Amino acid sequence: MTTKPIGIALIPAYEPSRLLLTLLQEICAAGMTALVVNDGSSPQSRVVFQKAEEYATVLTHEQNLGKGRAIKTGLSYLKERFGGQEYVVVTVDADGQHRVEDAKRVCQAAARSPDTLILGSRRFEGEVPARSRFGNTATRLAYRLATGVPVTDTQTGLRAFHKNLLSRMLSIPGERYEYEMNVLLVLAKEGVPIKEVSIATVYLDHNASSHFDTLKDSCRVYGEILKFTASSILGFLLDFLLYNLLLIFTGGLGSAVSVPISNVLARFCSAGANYAVNRRLVFHSSCRVGRSLLQYALLAGGILCANTFLLSLLTGLSGMDPIWAKVVTELVFFLLSWAMQKCFIFRRHTARKELDQP
């Protein structure tokens, strides 16, 4: 008989109001366990956290370290405290803008799909603050362009996942609001399924309780997307530059030999550089180099073989200039790669709506 996983609500809290206490009461009434992380709140919030201890375990940062760090502190505690037990974690905002019934629904979805990230996605109906509506639309489009994965609500804080994903969530970089975007970027890149469950859109007092700094935190969030996209562009530019330089040095061998040699050597160098940039600068990954490098090499190798064949075909049979042939080839494989990801690779991993609506 399969044991039903424990549902644990992880709540990062900074300067919370007494709405936190109401939230905790409802979580306990729903039969869930609650864990609160006080992220360096001022002494004025002490009474709220003392009262919160009647309903939840409360961990404390002596100074404000950011939402991402607060979530990781909670996850580290759960990993140590619950050990081999079966459990599902749902992150819940402390400001009362997530309904407990929705938190339970995303938990149930995570229990059914233990290797999937579940997002509680808002419908953005009714009176939604303009900055929230615009911010989510802009981020959703940027995320889709960067990953190929359509997600309705990239900014939702209501996210659930089985303990199977806990170690991966702890390794993802980011200390503040950018952590939540990094989670979506990294998991999409690694092929982890992302599924959406529709939830109610709740904004209390026009989202006045939010501690999101529009300028500073937006730079962190969009900066991660730009890094993710820029690494691919830089890889192409390096590849194109090396290809042209190698053509000059190997030109005496004839295009039948010069073009494929230049293409292979240029791609080998640019792929290595792109891998290093993604691993160290974009994702700050701590994964084993051998395994991730092998996966990357297999992907790059398949594209390289087809790329080289078409390039040789264009220059050998049609007599196209090698430089223009390179541009055409890269454009073809860019579009083909995008289509393959959209129709086949990401078809299994794209965000999907639950049939049950609230």
Foldseek 3Di string as FASTA:
>chain_A
DDDQAAEEEEEEDEPEDLLLVVQLVVCVVVVHAYEYEYQQHDPVCVVSVVSCVVRHHYHYDVHHFAPLQSVLVVLVCCCVPVPPGKHKYWYDYRHNFADSVLLVVQRVVQSVPQQEKEFADEPPDDDAQPCQVVVQVVLQVLLCVLQVFHDNGLQGRTMMHINVCSVVLNQWDDGHSLSSLSVVNVCSVVLRAYAYEYDYGGDDPNVPVDPDDVPPVVCSNVVLSCLSVVLVVVLVVQLLVQLVVQCVVCVVVPCLPSNLVSNVVSNVVSLVVSVCCCCCPNGNGPDDCVVVVVVSCVVSVVLSVVLSVQLSCCCPVVVDDSSVSNVVSVVVVVVVVSVCCNPPSCVRRHYYYDPDHD
